[in-house]
C-alpha atoms as a PDB file:
ATOM      1  CA  MET A   1     103.631 147.542  69.474  1.00  0.00           C
ATOM      2  CA  SER A   2     106.817 150.006  69.330  1.00  0.00           C
ATOM      3  CA  LYS A   3     108.723 150.475  72.457  1.00  0.00           C
ATOM      4  CA  ALA A   4     108.204 154.070  71.638  1.00  0.00           C
ATOM      5  CA  PHE A   5     104.719 153.831  73.389  1.00  0.00           C
ATOM      6  CA  THR A   6     105.517 151.941  76.383  1.00  0.00           C
ATOM      7  CA  THR A   7     106.648 153.037  79.898  1.00  0.00           C
ATOM      8  CA  GLU A   8     109.319 151.137  81.830  1.00  0.00           C
ATOM      9  CA  GLN A   9     108.698 151.141  85.626  1.00  0.00           C
ATOM     10  CA  ASP A  10     112.103 151.437  87.802  1.00  0.00           C
ATOM     11  CA  PRO A  11     111.467 148.315  90.282  1.00  0.00           C
ATOM     12  CA  SER A  12     112.648 150.475  92.994  1.00  0.00           C
ATOM     13  CA  ASP A  13     109.904 152.716  92.467  1.00  0.00           C
ATOM     14  CA  PRO A  14     106.831 151.884  94.047  1.00  0.00           C
ATOM     15  CA  GLU A  15     103.641 152.317  92.122  1.00  0.00           C
ATOM     16  CA  ASP A  16     101.534 153.362  94.779  1.00  0.00           C
ATOM     17  CA  ASP A  17     102.238 157.012  96.461  1.00  0.00           C
ATOM     18  CA  GLU A  18      99.610 156.771  98.782  1.00  0.00           C
ATOM     19  CA  PRO A  19     100.455 156.747 102.606  1.00  0.00           C
ATOM     20  CA  GLU A  20     100.180 153.684 104.636  1.00  0.00           C
ATOM     21  CA  GLN A  21      96.261 153.414 105.370  1.00  0.00           C
ATOM     22  CA  LEU A  22      95.195 153.628 108.862  1.00  0.00           C
ATOM     23  CA  PRO A  23      92.659 151.161 110.184  1.00  0.00           C
ATOM     24  CA  ALA A  24      89.107 152.098 109.174  1.00  0.00           C
ATOM     25  CA  GLY A  25      87.482 154.815 111.440  1.00  0.00           C
ATOM     26  CA  VAL A  26      90.996 155.858 113.016  1.00  0.00           C
ATOM     27  CA  LYS A  27      92.147 159.136 112.917  1.00  0.00           C
ATOM     28  CA  ASN A  28      95.659 160.422 111.801  1.00  0.00           C
ATOM     29  CA  TYR A  29      96.708 161.755 115.328  1.00  0.00           C
ATOM     30  CA  MET A  30      99.856 163.771 115.706  1.00  0.00           C
ATOM     31  CA  THR A  31     101.610 165.668 118.188  1.00  0.00           C
ATOM     32  CA  PRO A  32     102.323 169.347 117.747  1.00  0.00           C
ATOM     33  CA  THR A  33     105.914 168.516 117.462  1.00  0.00           C
ATOM     34  CA  GLY A  34     105.389 165.508 115.009  1.00  0.00           C
ATOM     35  CA  PHE A  35     103.430 168.106 112.996  1.00  0.00           C
ATOM     36  CA  ALA A  36     105.831 170.814 112.813  1.00  0.00           C
ATOM     37  CA  THR A  37     108.693 168.046 111.984  1.00  0.00           C
ATOM     38  CA  LEU A  38     106.858 166.805 108.797  1.00  0.00           C
ATOM     39  CA  GLN A  39     105.824 170.722 107.966  1.00  0.00           C
ATOM     40  CA  ASP A  40     109.664 171.453 108.165  1.00  0.00           C
ATOM     41  CA  GLU A  41     110.641 168.392 106.014  1.00  0.00           C
ATOM     42  CA  LEU A  42     107.916 169.530 103.463  1.00  0.00           C
ATOM     43  CA  ASN A  43     109.093 173.109 103.300  1.00  0.00           C
ATOM     44  CA  ARG A  44     112.616 171.999 102.950  1.00  0.00           C
ATOM     45  CA  LEU A  45     112.239 169.865 100.220  1.00  0.00           C
ATOM     46  CA  TYR A  46     110.039 172.188  98.161  1.00  0.00           C
ATOM     47  CA  ARG A  47     112.007 175.265  98.845  1.00  0.00           C
ATOM     48  CA  ASP A  48     115.448 173.800  99.149  1.00  0.00           C
ATOM     49  CA  GLU A  49     116.208 170.737  97.728  1.00  0.00           C
ATOM     50  CA  ARG A  50     113.821 170.563  94.753  1.00  0.00           C
ATOM     51  CA  PRO A  51     114.786 173.752  93.136  1.00  0.00           C
ATOM     52  CA  LYS A  52     118.523 172.557  93.230  1.00  0.00           C
ATOM     53  CA  VAL A  53     117.972 169.183  91.722  1.00  0.00           C
ATOM     54  CA  VAL A  54     115.634 170.967  88.947  1.00  0.00           C
ATOM     55  CA  GLU A  55     118.513 173.197  88.195  1.00  0.00           C
ATOM     56  CA  ILE A  56     121.176 170.109  87.901  1.00  0.00           C
ATOM     57  CA  VAL A  57     118.604 168.273  85.788  1.00  0.00           C
ATOM     58  CA  SER A  58     118.173 171.495  83.516  1.00  0.00           C
ATOM     59  CA  TRP A  59     121.590 172.078  83.113  1.00  0.00           C
ATOM     60  CA  ALA A  60     122.215 168.153  82.116  1.00  0.00           C
ATOM     61  CA  ALA A  61     119.549 168.369  79.854  1.00  0.00           C
ATOM     62  CA  GLY A  62     121.114 170.858  77.885  1.00  0.00           C
ATOM     63  CA  ASN A  63     124.232 168.771  77.646  1.00  0.00           C
ATOM     64  CA  GLY A  64     123.006 166.778  74.852  1.00  0.00           C
ATOM     65  CA  ASP A  65     122.719 163.154  74.920  1.00  0.00           C
ATOM     66  CA  ARG A  66     120.487 162.296  78.098  1.00  0.00           C
ATOM     67  CA  SER A  67     120.834 158.550  77.841  1.00  0.00           C
ATOM     68  CA  GLU A  68     124.622 158.463  79.067  1.00  0.00           C
ATOM     69  CA  ASN A  69     124.281 161.602  81.051  1.00  0.00           C
ATOM     70  CA  GLY A  70     124.748 160.770  84.757  1.00  0.00           C
ATOM     71  CA  ASP A  71     123.748 164.035  86.104  1.00  0.00           C
ATOM     72  CA  TYR A  72     120.300 163.736  84.202  1.00  0.00           C
ATOM     73  CA  LEU A  73     119.755 160.375  85.005  1.00  0.00           C
ATOM     74  CA  TYR A  74     120.288 160.648  88.525  1.00  0.00           C
ATOM     75  CA  GLY A  75     118.929 163.992  88.890  1.00  0.00           C
ATOM     76  CA  LYS A  76     115.756 162.688  87.317  1.00  0.00           C
ATOM     77  CA  LYS A  77     115.572 159.728  89.938  1.00  0.00           C
ATOM     78  CA  ARG A  78     116.262 161.954  92.812  1.00  0.00           C
ATOM     79  CA  LEU A  79     113.518 164.420  91.359  1.00  0.00           C
ATOM     80  CA  ARG A  80     110.919 161.421  91.461  1.00  0.00           C
ATOM     81  CA  GLU A  81     111.956 160.616  95.021  1.00  0.00           C
ATOM     82  CA  ILE A  82     111.656 164.168  96.070  1.00  0.00           C
ATOM     83  CA  ASP A  83     108.312 164.524  94.463  1.00  0.00           C
ATOM     84  CA  ARG A  84     106.881 161.119  95.796  1.00  0.00           C
ATOM     85  CA  ARG A  85     108.025 162.494  99.282  1.00  0.00           C
ATOM     86  CA  LEU A  86     106.358 165.563  98.713  1.00  0.00           C
ATOM     87  CA  ARG A  87     102.911 163.908  97.825  1.00  0.00           C
ATOM     88  CA  TYR A  88     103.068 161.642 100.875  1.00  0.00           C
ATOM     89  CA  LEU A  89     103.850 164.615 103.574  1.00  0.00           C
ATOM     90  CA  THR A  90     101.125 166.636 101.854  1.00  0.00           C
ATOM     91  CA  LYS A  91      98.393 163.702 102.161  1.00  0.00           C
ATOM     92  CA  ARG A  92      99.742 163.129 105.727  1.00  0.00           C
ATOM     93  CA  LEU A  93      99.568 166.668 106.971  1.00  0.00           C
ATOM     94  CA  GLU A  94      96.145 167.388 105.249  1.00  0.00           C
ATOM     95  CA  SER A  95      94.756 164.222 107.155  1.00  0.00           C
ATOM     96  CA  ALA A  96      96.394 164.862 110.511  1.00  0.00           C
ATOM     97  CA  GLU A  97      94.636 165.887 113.633  1.00  0.00           C
ATOM     98  CA  VAL A  98      96.711 167.684 115.962  1.00  0.00           C
ATOM     99  CA  VAL A  99      96.485 166.589 119.646  1.00  0.00           C
ATOM    100  CA  ASP A 100      98.100 168.503 122.241  1.00  0.00           C
ATOM    101  CA  PRO A 101      98.825 165.917 124.862  1.00  0.00           C
ATOM    102  CA  LYS A 102      98.973 168.923 127.733  1.00  0.00           C
ATOM    103  CA  LYS A 103      95.621 169.389 126.931  1.00  0.00           C
ATOM    104  CA  GLN A 104      94.386 166.251 127.577  1.00  0.00           C
ATOM    105  CA  GLN A 105      91.586 165.436 130.075  1.00  0.00           C
ATOM    106  CA  LYS A 106      92.000 162.652 132.717  1.00  0.00           C
ATOM    107  CA  LEU A 107      95.803 162.944 132.844  1.00  0.00           C
ATOM    108  CA  GLU A 108      96.105 160.408 135.278  1.00  0.00           C
ATOM    109  CA  LYS A 109      95.103 157.706 132.547  1.00  0.00           C
ATOM    110  CA  VAL A 110      97.103 156.463 129.347  1.00  0.00           C
ATOM    111  CA  PHE A 111      95.670 158.358 126.158  1.00  0.00           C
ATOM    112  CA  PHE A 112      97.624 159.734 122.985  1.00  0.00           C
ATOM    113  CA  GLY A 113     100.832 161.772 123.679  1.00  0.00           C
ATOM    114  CA  ALA A 114     101.398 160.064 126.993  1.00  0.00           C
ATOM    115  CA  THR A 115     104.536 158.986 128.496  1.00  0.00           C
ATOM    116  CA  VAL A 116     104.474 155.781 130.026  1.00  0.00           C
ATOM    117  CA  THR A 117     106.952 153.582 132.372  1.00  0.00           C
ATOM    118  CA  TYR A 118     105.822 149.955 132.300  1.00  0.00           C
ATOM    119  CA  ALA A 119     107.475 146.851 133.591  1.00  0.00           C
ATOM    120  CA  ARG A 120     107.434 143.524 131.636  1.00  0.00           C
ATOM    121  CA  GLU A 121     106.974 140.114 133.239  1.00  0.00           C
ATOM    122  CA  ASP A 122     110.544 139.681 133.292  1.00  0.00           C
ATOM    123  CA  GLY A 123     111.084 142.808 135.407  1.00  0.00           C
ATOM    124  CA  LYS A 124     112.768 145.158 132.875  1.00  0.00           C
ATOM    125  CA  GLU A 125     111.455 148.521 132.719  1.00  0.00           C
ATOM    126  CA  HIS A 126     110.621 150.683 129.416  1.00  0.00           C
ATOM    127  CA  THR A 127     109.474 154.112 129.093  1.00  0.00           C
ATOM    128  CA  VAL A 128     107.680 154.847 125.757  1.00  0.00           C
ATOM    129  CA  THR A 129     105.929 157.985 124.737  1.00  0.00           C
ATOM    130  CA  LEU A 130     102.689 157.173 122.501  1.00  0.00           C
ATOM    131  CA  VAL A 131     102.467 159.412 119.301  1.00  0.00           C
ATOM    132  CA  GLY A 132     101.267 159.191 115.862  1.00  0.00           C
ATOM    133  CA  PRO A 133     102.311 156.754 113.205  1.00  0.00           C
ATOM    134  CA  ASP A 134     104.482 159.122 111.361  1.00  0.00           C
ATOM    135  CA  GLU A 135     106.580 160.080 114.600  1.00  0.00           C
ATOM    136  CA  ALA A 136     107.129 156.716 115.894  1.00  0.00           C
ATOM    137  CA  ASP A 137     110.720 155.957 116.325  1.00  0.00           C
ATOM    138  CA  VAL A 138     111.292 153.150 118.726  1.00  0.00           C
ATOM    139  CA  SER A 139     115.205 153.992 119.152  1.00  0.00           C
ATOM    140  CA  LYS A 140     113.994 157.384 120.589  1.00  0.00           C
ATOM    141  CA  GLY A 141     111.288 155.561 122.760  1.00  0.00           C
ATOM    142  CA  LYS A 142     108.323 156.761 120.619  1.00  0.00           C
ATOM    143  CA  ILE A 143     105.878 154.085 119.441  1.00  0.00           C
ATOM    144  CA  SER A 144     102.518 154.364 117.462  1.00  0.00           C
ATOM    145  CA  TRP A 145      99.516 154.652 119.589  1.00  0.00           C
ATOM    146  CA  LEU A 146      98.390 151.984 117.120  1.00  0.00           C
ATOM    147  CA  SER A 147     100.900 149.303 118.323  1.00  0.00           C
ATOM    148  CA  PRO A 148      99.969 146.347 120.302  1.00  0.00           C
ATOM    149  CA  VAL A 149     101.969 147.859 123.726  1.00  0.00           C
ATOM    150  CA  ALA A 150      99.905 151.160 123.310  1.00  0.00           C
ATOM    151  CA  ARG A 151      96.829 149.503 122.680  1.00  0.00           C
ATOM    152  CA  ALA A 152      97.157 147.530 126.059  1.00  0.00           C
ATOM    153  CA  LEU A 153      98.392 150.629 127.911  1.00  0.00           C
ATOM    154  CA  MET A 154      95.571 152.676 126.993  1.00  0.00           C
ATOM    155  CA  LYS A 155      93.141 153.910 129.583  1.00  0.00           C
ATOM    156  CA  ALA A 156      95.453 152.184 132.201  1.00  0.00           C
ATOM    157  CA  GLN A 157      96.968 154.252 134.981  1.00  0.00           C
ATOM    158  CA  ALA A 158      99.703 153.934 137.472  1.00  0.00           C
ATOM    159  CA  GLY A 159      99.375 150.596 139.387  1.00  0.00           C
ATOM    160  CA  ASP A 160      97.358 148.783 136.812  1.00  0.00           C
ATOM    161  CA  THR A 161      98.239 145.741 135.125  1.00  0.00           C
ATOM    162  CA  VAL A 162      97.406 145.278 131.664  1.00  0.00           C
ATOM    163  CA  GLU A 163      97.645 142.396 129.295  1.00  0.00           C
ATOM    164  CA  MET A 164      99.201 142.832 125.878  1.00  0.00           C
ATOM    165  CA  LYS A 165      98.475 140.450 123.046  1.00  0.00           C
ATOM    166  CA  ALA A 166     100.682 140.046 120.356  1.00  0.00           C
ATOM    167  CA  GLY A 167      99.586 137.262 117.756  1.00  0.00           C
ATOM    168  CA  THR A 168      99.136 134.131 119.811  1.00  0.00           C
ATOM    169  CA  ALA A 169     101.068 135.091 122.909  1.00  0.00           C
ATOM    170  CA  ALA A 170     100.081 137.406 125.576  1.00  0.00           C
ATOM    171  CA  GLU A 171     102.089 139.279 128.133  1.00  0.00           C
ATOM    172  CA  THR A 172     101.375 140.974 131.345  1.00  0.00           C
ATOM    173  CA  LEU A 173     102.523 144.784 131.756  1.00  0.00           C
ATOM    174  CA  GLU A 174     102.373 146.884 134.998  1.00  0.00           C
ATOM    175  CA  VAL A 175     102.019 150.429 134.343  1.00  0.00           C
ATOM    176  CA  LEU A 176     104.505 152.410 136.638  1.00  0.00           C
ATOM    177  CA  SER A 177     103.920 155.983 135.751  1.00  0.00           C
ATOM    178  CA  VAL A 178     101.834 157.964 133.442  1.00  0.00           C
ATOM    179  CA  THR A 179     103.161 161.672 132.678  1.00  0.00           C
ATOM    180  CA  TYR A 180     102.443 164.294 129.660  1.00  0.00           C
ATOM    181  CA  SER A 181     105.224 166.098 128.368  1.00  0.00           C
ATOM    182  CA  CYS A 182     105.193 166.445 124.667  1.00  0.00           C
END
């Protein structure tokens, strides 16, 4: 077969543009803040960054030999990255179910959007906010509501002790406080 009819995949480009799959029957919950953040990123990429890269690629394509044109090659690669991210964000936003934590019922219990302070067996205290998978950022104390810690804390209230199972290990956590402020 002629090489003209084959396409080479860039090994750094994943073939699957699908967002990470949520477990069956699980909704893609998101806080209003998380939804707005993803929407802002989508709009910035679509309205600002993508047109600039398209302009650079068009200019570079007009310069002749594309095989040795760095602006063209790197511009096309960046354009693929932007398009992949746009598809991802679009799919995530379409499937999102926005939940405002301030409007939750039974605010004394831990549910999506709660900020929980808990103590581990070693006495260390941690404060986490339960958010959607796309919003999770451990460095900011935001964990996915699907994580083992969040699953263990669900439906608990201040003063409760819960057991967190991670693989074969289990640990007892004590819920110290529950607030909703997202």
